[in-house]
Amino acid sequence: MKHIIMIMFLFTGLKTQAQQYCCHEPGPAFDGNDITSYYDENGIQKGHPDFSYSYVGMTLIFENEENRSKFIKEPDKYFPEYGAWCAIAMSLGSIIKPNYSYYILREDGRLLFFTIQGFVNGITLWKKDPKGNKVKADTFYLSILGNE
């Protein structure tokens, strides 16, 4: 079963069109979610266009000016790991756009996004071996950055 899951992720990825960041489509990044709200106990909040900020070529929108200021002050703290691509796909050597509702905060505070494809839940797969998956995802993402 493990091999079937890996093959599914590998062949559904966008490996040949690698980009450093996932969110370069027109409109607000992260489906309009306030990226700082993923760290808030109230959960994901939608951003408002009045509180926008351009970051690495994408438009981020925030729920309020306080959150916008928090991000501007510490973008590396809030911006998702692996350029906002699906973390489990990264660990399997593939690039897949995640669902921005499926996420975890890693023990080190980094935001990871995931996808669910069919009966395969990326978060569940990640949690089976978080340290090993991190090493594999880190290695693959660095290889992408080297090819840009």
N, C-alpha and C. Protein backbone atom coordinates (compact mmCIF):
# COMPACT_ATOMS: atom_id res chain seq x y z
N MET A 1 0.83 -1.20 0.00
CA MET A 1 0.00 0.00 0.00
C MET A 1 0.87 1.26 0.00
N LYS A 2 1.97 1.22 0.78
CA LYS A 2 2.87 2.37 0.87
C LYS A 2 3.40 2.75 -0.52
N HIS A 3 3.75 1.75 -1.32
CA HIS A 3 4.27 2.02 -2.66
C HIS A 3 3.22 2.62 -3.58
N ILE A 4 1.98 2.18 -3.44
CA ILE A 4 0.89 2.74 -4.24
C ILE A 4 0.69 4.21 -3.90
N ILE A 5 0.74 4.54 -2.62
CA ILE A 5 0.58 5.93 -2.19
C ILE A 5 1.70 6.79 -2.75
N MET A 6 2.94 6.30 -2.65
CA MET A 6 4.08 7.07 -3.17
C MET A 6 3.95 7.28 -4.67
N ILE A 7 3.59 6.25 -5.39
CA ILE A 7 3.44 6.37 -6.84
C ILE A 7 2.36 7.37 -7.18
N MET A 8 1.25 7.35 -6.46
CA MET A 8 0.16 8.29 -6.73
C MET A 8 0.65 9.72 -6.57
N PHE A 9 1.39 10.01 -5.48
CA PHE A 9 1.88 11.36 -5.27
C PHE A 9 2.92 11.73 -6.32
N LEU A 10 3.80 10.82 -6.66
CA LEU A 10 4.84 11.13 -7.63
C LEU A 10 4.28 11.46 -9.00
N PHE A 11 3.28 10.74 -9.43
CA PHE A 11 2.75 10.96 -10.76
C PHE A 11 1.71 12.06 -10.83
N THR A 12 1.20 12.53 -9.71
CA THR A 12 0.23 13.62 -9.76
C THR A 12 0.88 14.97 -9.50
N GLY A 13 2.18 14.98 -9.23
CA GLY A 13 2.89 16.22 -8.94
C GLY A 13 3.17 17.03 -10.19
N LEU A 14 3.75 18.19 -9.98
CA LEU A 14 4.08 19.12 -11.06
C LEU A 14 5.59 19.27 -11.17
N LYS A 15 6.30 18.19 -11.01
CA LYS A 15 7.75 18.22 -10.88
C LYS A 15 8.45 18.94 -12.01
N THR A 16 7.97 18.85 -13.21
CA THR A 16 8.65 19.48 -14.34
C THR A 16 8.45 20.99 -14.38
N GLN A 17 7.49 21.51 -13.63
CA GLN A 17 7.24 22.94 -13.62
C GLN A 17 7.50 23.51 -12.23
N ALA A 18 8.61 23.07 -11.63
CA ALA A 18 8.91 23.45 -10.25
C ALA A 18 9.02 24.97 -10.12
N GLN A 19 8.42 25.45 -9.06
CA GLN A 19 8.53 26.85 -8.65
C GLN A 19 8.88 26.86 -7.18
N GLN A 20 9.56 27.88 -6.76
CA GLN A 20 9.92 27.99 -5.36
C GLN A 20 8.69 28.15 -4.48
N TYR A 21 7.70 28.90 -4.98
CA TYR A 21 6.50 29.16 -4.18
C TYR A 21 5.26 28.67 -4.91
N CYS A 22 4.31 28.19 -4.15
CA CYS A 22 3.10 27.59 -4.71
C CYS A 22 2.07 28.63 -5.15
N CYS A 23 2.05 29.78 -4.56
CA CYS A 23 0.91 30.70 -4.67
C CYS A 23 1.11 31.82 -5.68
N HIS A 24 1.38 31.51 -6.92
CA HIS A 24 1.60 32.57 -7.90
C HIS A 24 0.45 32.75 -8.88
N GLU A 25 -0.70 32.17 -8.58
CA GLU A 25 -1.85 32.40 -9.44
C GLU A 25 -2.43 33.78 -9.14
N PRO A 26 -3.20 34.33 -10.05
CA PRO A 26 -3.79 35.66 -9.81
C PRO A 26 -4.70 35.66 -8.58
N GLY A 27 -4.78 36.79 -7.94
CA GLY A 27 -5.63 36.91 -6.75
C GLY A 27 -4.85 36.65 -5.48
N PRO A 28 -5.54 36.78 -4.36
CA PRO A 28 -4.87 36.60 -3.07
C PRO A 28 -4.34 35.18 -2.89
N ALA A 29 -3.15 35.08 -2.30
CA ALA A 29 -2.56 33.77 -2.01
C ALA A 29 -3.32 33.07 -0.89
N PHE A 30 -3.14 31.79 -0.80
CA PHE A 30 -3.72 30.95 0.26
C PHE A 30 -5.25 31.04 0.31
N ASP A 31 -5.84 31.11 -0.86
CA ASP A 31 -7.31 31.19 -0.98
C ASP A 31 -7.89 32.37 -0.20
N GLY A 32 -7.10 33.42 -0.05
CA GLY A 32 -7.57 34.61 0.66
C GLY A 32 -7.51 34.50 2.17
N ASN A 33 -6.88 33.45 2.68
CA ASN A 33 -6.75 33.30 4.13
C ASN A 33 -5.64 34.19 4.66
N ASP A 34 -5.83 34.71 5.85
CA ASP A 34 -4.81 35.48 6.56
C ASP A 34 -3.77 34.48 7.06
N ILE A 35 -2.56 34.56 6.52
CA ILE A 35 -1.53 33.57 6.84
C ILE A 35 -1.16 33.57 8.32
N THR A 36 -1.29 34.70 8.99
CA THR A 36 -0.96 34.72 10.42
C THR A 36 -2.04 34.04 11.26
N SER A 37 -3.25 33.90 10.72
CA SER A 37 -4.34 33.31 11.50
C SER A 37 -4.16 31.80 11.70
N TYR A 38 -3.30 31.17 10.93
CA TYR A 38 -3.04 29.74 11.15
C TYR A 38 -2.38 29.51 12.51
N TYR A 39 -1.78 30.54 13.06
CA TYR A 39 -1.12 30.45 14.36
C TYR A 39 -2.02 30.88 15.50
N ASP A 40 -3.22 31.30 15.19
CA ASP A 40 -4.15 31.85 16.17
C ASP A 40 -5.08 30.75 16.67
N GLU A 41 -5.43 30.79 17.93
CA GLU A 41 -6.32 29.77 18.50
C GLU A 41 -7.72 29.82 17.89
N ASN A 42 -8.08 30.93 17.25
CA ASN A 42 -9.40 31.04 16.60
C ASN A 42 -9.43 30.37 15.23
N GLY A 43 -8.29 29.90 14.76
CA GLY A 43 -8.23 29.20 13.48
C GLY A 43 -8.14 30.13 12.29
N ILE A 44 -8.31 29.55 11.13
CA ILE A 44 -8.14 30.26 9.86
C ILE A 44 -9.19 31.35 9.71
N GLN A 45 -8.71 32.54 9.36
CA GLN A 45 -9.59 33.68 9.11
C GLN A 45 -9.34 34.20 7.69
N LYS A 46 -10.37 34.66 7.05
CA LYS A 46 -10.21 35.27 5.73
C LYS A 46 -9.59 36.65 5.88
N GLY A 47 -8.78 36.99 4.89
CA GLY A 47 -8.20 38.32 4.86
C GLY A 47 -9.14 39.31 4.20
N HIS A 48 -8.78 40.58 4.32
CA HIS A 48 -9.56 41.66 3.71
C HIS A 48 -8.63 42.44 2.78
N PRO A 49 -9.07 42.75 1.57
CA PRO A 49 -8.21 43.44 0.60
C PRO A 49 -7.62 44.76 1.10
N ASP A 50 -8.26 45.39 2.07
CA ASP A 50 -7.72 46.64 2.61
C ASP A 50 -6.40 46.42 3.36
N PHE A 51 -6.14 45.18 3.74
CA PHE A 51 -4.93 44.86 4.51
C PHE A 51 -4.07 43.88 3.71
N SER A 52 -3.60 44.35 2.57
CA SER A 52 -2.83 43.48 1.68
C SER A 52 -1.34 43.82 1.77
N TYR A 53 -0.54 42.88 1.30
CA TYR A 53 0.91 43.05 1.30
C TYR A 53 1.48 42.17 0.19
N SER A 54 2.38 42.72 -0.61
CA SER A 54 3.04 41.96 -1.66
C SER A 54 4.30 41.33 -1.10
N TYR A 55 4.40 40.01 -1.25
CA TYR A 55 5.54 39.27 -0.72
C TYR A 55 5.97 38.23 -1.74
N VAL A 56 7.22 38.22 -2.10
CA VAL A 56 7.82 37.32 -3.10
C VAL A 56 6.91 37.11 -4.32
N GLY A 57 6.33 38.17 -4.81
CA GLY A 57 5.54 38.11 -6.03
C GLY A 57 4.10 37.67 -5.86
N MET A 58 3.64 37.54 -4.64
CA MET A 58 2.25 37.15 -4.42
C MET A 58 1.57 38.16 -3.52
N THR A 59 0.26 38.22 -3.61
CA THR A 59 -0.51 39.13 -2.79
C THR A 59 -1.08 38.38 -1.59
N LEU A 60 -0.69 38.81 -0.42
CA LEU A 60 -1.22 38.27 0.82
C LEU A 60 -2.24 39.26 1.36
N ILE A 61 -3.34 38.75 1.88
CA ILE A 61 -4.30 39.64 2.52
C ILE A 61 -4.50 39.17 3.96
N PHE A 62 -4.76 40.13 4.82
CA PHE A 62 -4.83 39.88 6.26
C PHE A 62 -6.17 40.33 6.81
N GLU A 63 -6.54 39.75 7.93
CA GLU A 63 -7.81 40.06 8.57
C GLU A 63 -7.83 41.51 9.07
N ASN A 64 -6.68 42.01 9.52
CA ASN A 64 -6.61 43.36 10.07
C ASN A 64 -5.18 43.89 9.96
N GLU A 65 -5.00 45.14 10.30
CA GLU A 65 -3.68 45.78 10.21
C GLU A 65 -2.69 45.17 11.19
N GLU A 66 -3.16 44.75 12.34
CA GLU A 66 -2.27 44.12 13.33
C GLU A 66 -1.61 42.87 12.75
N ASN A 67 -2.40 42.03 12.10
CA ASN A 67 -1.84 40.81 11.52
C ASN A 67 -0.91 41.12 10.35
N ARG A 68 -1.28 42.11 9.55
CA ARG A 68 -0.42 42.52 8.45
C ARG A 68 0.93 42.99 8.98
N SER A 69 0.91 43.78 10.03
CA SER A 69 2.15 44.28 10.64
C SER A 69 2.98 43.15 11.23
N LYS A 70 2.32 42.17 11.85
CA LYS A 70 3.04 41.02 12.40
C LYS A 70 3.79 40.28 11.30
N PHE A 71 3.12 40.10 10.16
CA PHE A 71 3.77 39.39 9.06
C PHE A 71 4.94 40.20 8.51
N ILE A 72 4.74 41.48 8.29
CA ILE A 72 5.81 42.32 7.72
C ILE A 72 7.03 42.31 8.63
N LYS A 73 6.80 42.30 9.93
CA LYS A 73 7.90 42.31 10.90
C LYS A 73 8.66 40.98 10.89
N GLU A 74 7.97 39.85 10.73
CA GLU A 74 8.60 38.54 10.79
C GLU A 74 8.05 37.58 9.72
N PRO A 75 8.29 37.87 8.45
CA PRO A 75 7.71 37.02 7.40
C PRO A 75 8.18 35.55 7.48
N ASP A 76 9.43 35.32 7.85
CA ASP A 76 9.93 33.95 7.93
C ASP A 76 9.23 33.14 9.02
N LYS A 77 8.73 33.80 10.03
CA LYS A 77 8.01 33.12 11.10
C LYS A 77 6.66 32.59 10.59
N TYR A 78 6.00 33.35 9.74
CA TYR A 78 4.64 33.02 9.32
C TYR A 78 4.54 32.33 7.96
N PHE A 79 5.49 32.57 7.06
CA PHE A 79 5.36 32.00 5.73
C PHE A 79 5.56 30.49 5.81
N PRO A 80 4.71 29.73 5.13
CA PRO A 80 4.75 28.26 5.23
C PRO A 80 6.06 27.66 4.73
N GLU A 81 6.39 26.54 5.33
CA GLU A 81 7.56 25.77 4.92
C GLU A 81 7.36 25.23 3.51
N TYR A 82 8.43 24.97 2.81
CA TYR A 82 8.44 24.39 1.46
C TYR A 82 7.69 25.24 0.45
N GLY A 83 7.76 26.55 0.61
CA GLY A 83 7.14 27.44 -0.36
C GLY A 83 5.63 27.28 -0.45
N ALA A 84 5.02 26.72 0.58
CA ALA A 84 3.57 26.49 0.68
C ALA A 84 3.09 25.32 -0.16
N TRP A 85 4.01 24.50 -0.69
CA TRP A 85 3.62 23.27 -1.38
C TRP A 85 3.23 22.22 -0.34
N CYS A 86 2.56 21.17 -0.76
CA CYS A 86 2.17 20.06 0.12
C CYS A 86 3.42 19.41 0.71
N ALA A 87 3.51 19.38 2.03
CA ALA A 87 4.71 18.87 2.71
C ALA A 87 4.94 17.39 2.48
N ILE A 88 3.90 16.57 2.52
CA ILE A 88 4.10 15.13 2.32
C ILE A 88 4.53 14.84 0.89
N ALA A 89 4.00 15.58 -0.06
CA ALA A 89 4.43 15.40 -1.46
C ALA A 89 5.91 15.75 -1.59
N MET A 90 6.35 16.81 -0.92
CA MET A 90 7.77 17.17 -0.93
C MET A 90 8.61 16.00 -0.43
N SER A 91 8.16 15.37 0.66
CA SER A 91 8.94 14.26 1.23
C SER A 91 8.98 13.05 0.29
N LEU A 92 8.04 12.99 -0.64
CA LEU A 92 8.00 11.89 -1.61
C LEU A 92 8.60 12.30 -2.96
N GLY A 93 9.22 13.50 -3.00
CA GLY A 93 9.89 13.93 -4.23
C GLY A 93 8.97 14.47 -5.28
N SER A 94 7.86 15.09 -4.87
CA SER A 94 6.89 15.60 -5.82
C SER A 94 6.40 16.96 -5.37
N ILE A 95 5.77 17.67 -6.28
CA ILE A 95 5.26 19.00 -6.00
C ILE A 95 3.76 19.00 -6.26
N ILE A 96 2.99 19.26 -5.22
CA ILE A 96 1.54 19.27 -5.34
C ILE A 96 0.99 20.49 -4.60
N LYS A 97 0.06 21.18 -5.23
CA LYS A 97 -0.60 22.29 -4.56
C LYS A 97 -1.47 21.72 -3.44
N PRO A 98 -1.37 22.27 -2.24
CA PRO A 98 -2.15 21.73 -1.12
C PRO A 98 -3.55 22.34 -1.05
N ASN A 99 -4.31 21.81 -0.14
CA ASN A 99 -5.56 22.42 0.27
C ASN A 99 -5.22 23.27 1.49
N TYR A 100 -5.48 24.55 1.44
CA TYR A 100 -5.04 25.45 2.52
C TYR A 100 -5.86 25.31 3.80
N SER A 101 -6.80 24.39 3.81
CA SER A 101 -7.53 24.07 5.04
C SER A 101 -6.90 22.92 5.80
N TYR A 102 -6.00 22.19 5.15
CA TYR A 102 -5.32 21.05 5.78
C TYR A 102 -3.90 21.46 6.13
N TYR A 103 -3.66 21.63 7.41
CA TYR A 103 -2.35 22.12 7.84
C TYR A 103 -2.04 21.63 9.25
N ILE A 104 -0.77 21.69 9.58
CA ILE A 104 -0.33 21.49 10.96
C ILE A 104 0.77 22.51 11.24
N LEU A 105 0.96 22.78 12.50
CA LEU A 105 2.11 23.55 12.95
C LEU A 105 3.10 22.54 13.52
N ARG A 106 4.27 22.48 12.90
CA ARG A 106 5.30 21.55 13.34
C ARG A 106 5.79 21.96 14.72
N GLU A 107 6.47 21.08 15.43
CA GLU A 107 6.96 21.38 16.77
C GLU A 107 7.85 22.61 16.80
N ASP A 108 8.56 22.89 15.71
CA ASP A 108 9.42 24.07 15.65
C ASP A 108 8.66 25.33 15.26
N GLY A 109 7.32 25.21 15.14
CA GLY A 109 6.49 26.38 14.84
C GLY A 109 6.27 26.63 13.36
N ARG A 110 6.84 25.82 12.49
CA ARG A 110 6.67 26.03 11.05
C ARG A 110 5.32 25.50 10.59
N LEU A 111 4.70 26.26 9.69
CA LEU A 111 3.41 25.92 9.11
C LEU A 111 3.62 24.99 7.91
N LEU A 112 2.91 23.86 7.93
CA LEU A 112 2.96 22.90 6.83
C LEU A 112 1.56 22.72 6.26
N PHE A 113 1.47 22.77 4.94
CA PHE A 113 0.20 22.51 4.26
C PHE A 113 0.22 21.10 3.67
N PHE A 114 -0.98 20.55 3.49
CA PHE A 114 -1.13 19.19 2.97
C PHE A 114 -2.29 19.13 1.99
N THR A 115 -2.41 17.98 1.37
CA THR A 115 -3.54 17.71 0.50
C THR A 115 -4.15 16.37 0.89
N ILE A 116 -5.36 16.19 0.48
CA ILE A 116 -6.02 14.90 0.60
C ILE A 116 -6.42 14.51 -0.82
N GLN A 117 -5.95 13.37 -1.26
CA GLN A 117 -6.29 12.87 -2.60
C GLN A 117 -6.92 11.50 -2.43
N GLY A 118 -8.16 11.39 -2.79
CA GLY A 118 -8.87 10.12 -2.62
C GLY A 118 -8.94 9.77 -1.14
N PHE A 119 -8.42 8.60 -0.83
CA PHE A 119 -8.42 8.15 0.56
C PHE A 119 -7.10 8.43 1.26
N VAL A 120 -6.23 9.19 0.62
CA VAL A 120 -4.90 9.46 1.17
C VAL A 120 -4.88 10.83 1.82
N ASN A 121 -4.64 10.84 3.12
CA ASN A 121 -4.57 12.07 3.90
C ASN A 121 -3.11 12.40 4.16
N GLY A 122 -2.64 13.51 3.61
CA GLY A 122 -1.24 13.89 3.75
C GLY A 122 -0.80 14.10 5.18
N ILE A 123 -1.66 14.63 6.01
CA ILE A 123 -1.31 14.86 7.42
C ILE A 123 -1.07 13.53 8.12
N THR A 124 -1.94 12.56 7.87
CA THR A 124 -1.78 11.24 8.49
C THR A 124 -0.46 10.61 8.06
N LEU A 125 -0.13 10.70 6.78
CA LEU A 125 1.14 10.15 6.30
C LEU A 125 2.33 10.86 6.95
N TRP A 126 2.25 12.17 7.05
CA TRP A 126 3.35 12.94 7.65
C TRP A 126 3.58 12.51 9.10
N LYS A 127 2.50 12.37 9.84
CA LYS A 127 2.61 12.06 11.27
C LYS A 127 3.15 10.65 11.54
N LYS A 128 3.16 9.78 10.54
CA LYS A 128 3.72 8.44 10.74
C LYS A 128 5.24 8.49 10.93
N ASP A 129 5.89 9.48 10.35
CA ASP A 129 7.35 9.63 10.48
C ASP A 129 7.73 11.09 10.28
N PRO A 130 7.37 11.97 11.23
CA PRO A 130 7.61 13.40 11.01
C PRO A 130 9.08 13.76 10.82
N LYS A 131 9.96 13.14 11.58
CA LYS A 131 11.40 13.47 11.44
C LYS A 131 11.94 13.01 10.10
N GLY A 132 11.62 11.77 9.72
CA GLY A 132 12.08 11.26 8.44
C GLY A 132 11.49 12.03 7.27
N ASN A 133 10.19 12.35 7.36
CA ASN A 133 9.55 13.13 6.30
C ASN A 133 10.15 14.51 6.18
N LYS A 134 10.48 15.13 7.31
CA LYS A 134 11.11 16.45 7.28
C LYS A 134 12.45 16.41 6.55
N VAL A 135 13.27 15.42 6.87
CA VAL A 135 14.57 15.29 6.22
C VAL A 135 14.40 15.13 4.72
N LYS A 136 13.50 14.26 4.30
CA LYS A 136 13.27 14.03 2.87
C LYS A 136 12.69 15.27 2.19
N ALA A 137 11.73 15.92 2.85
CA ALA A 137 11.13 17.13 2.26
C ALA A 137 12.15 18.25 2.17
N ASP A 138 12.95 18.44 3.22
CA ASP A 138 14.00 19.46 3.19
C ASP A 138 14.96 19.23 2.03
N THR A 139 15.39 18.00 1.86
CA THR A 139 16.33 17.66 0.79
C THR A 139 15.72 17.94 -0.58
N PHE A 140 14.49 17.51 -0.79
CA PHE A 140 13.86 17.73 -2.09
C PHE A 140 13.64 19.22 -2.36
N TYR A 141 13.18 19.96 -1.36
CA TYR A 141 12.93 21.38 -1.57
C TYR A 141 14.24 22.11 -1.89
N LEU A 142 15.31 21.76 -1.20
CA LEU A 142 16.62 22.38 -1.51
C LEU A 142 17.05 22.05 -2.94
N SER A 143 16.71 20.86 -3.44
CA SER A 143 17.05 20.52 -4.82
C SER A 143 16.27 21.38 -5.80
N ILE A 144 15.04 21.72 -5.46
CA ILE A 144 14.23 22.62 -6.29
C ILE A 144 14.86 24.01 -6.33
N LEU A 145 15.27 24.49 -5.17
CA LEU A 145 15.87 25.82 -5.11
C LEU A 145 17.16 25.88 -5.92
N GLY A 146 17.89 24.78 -5.95
CA GLY A 146 19.13 24.72 -6.73
C GLY A 146 18.89 24.73 -8.22
N ASN A 147 17.68 24.37 -8.66
CA ASN A 147 17.36 24.32 -10.09
C ASN A 147 16.70 25.58 -10.60
N GLU A 148 16.42 26.54 -9.74
CA GLU A 148 15.72 27.76 -10.16
C GLU A 148 16.65 28.65 -10.93
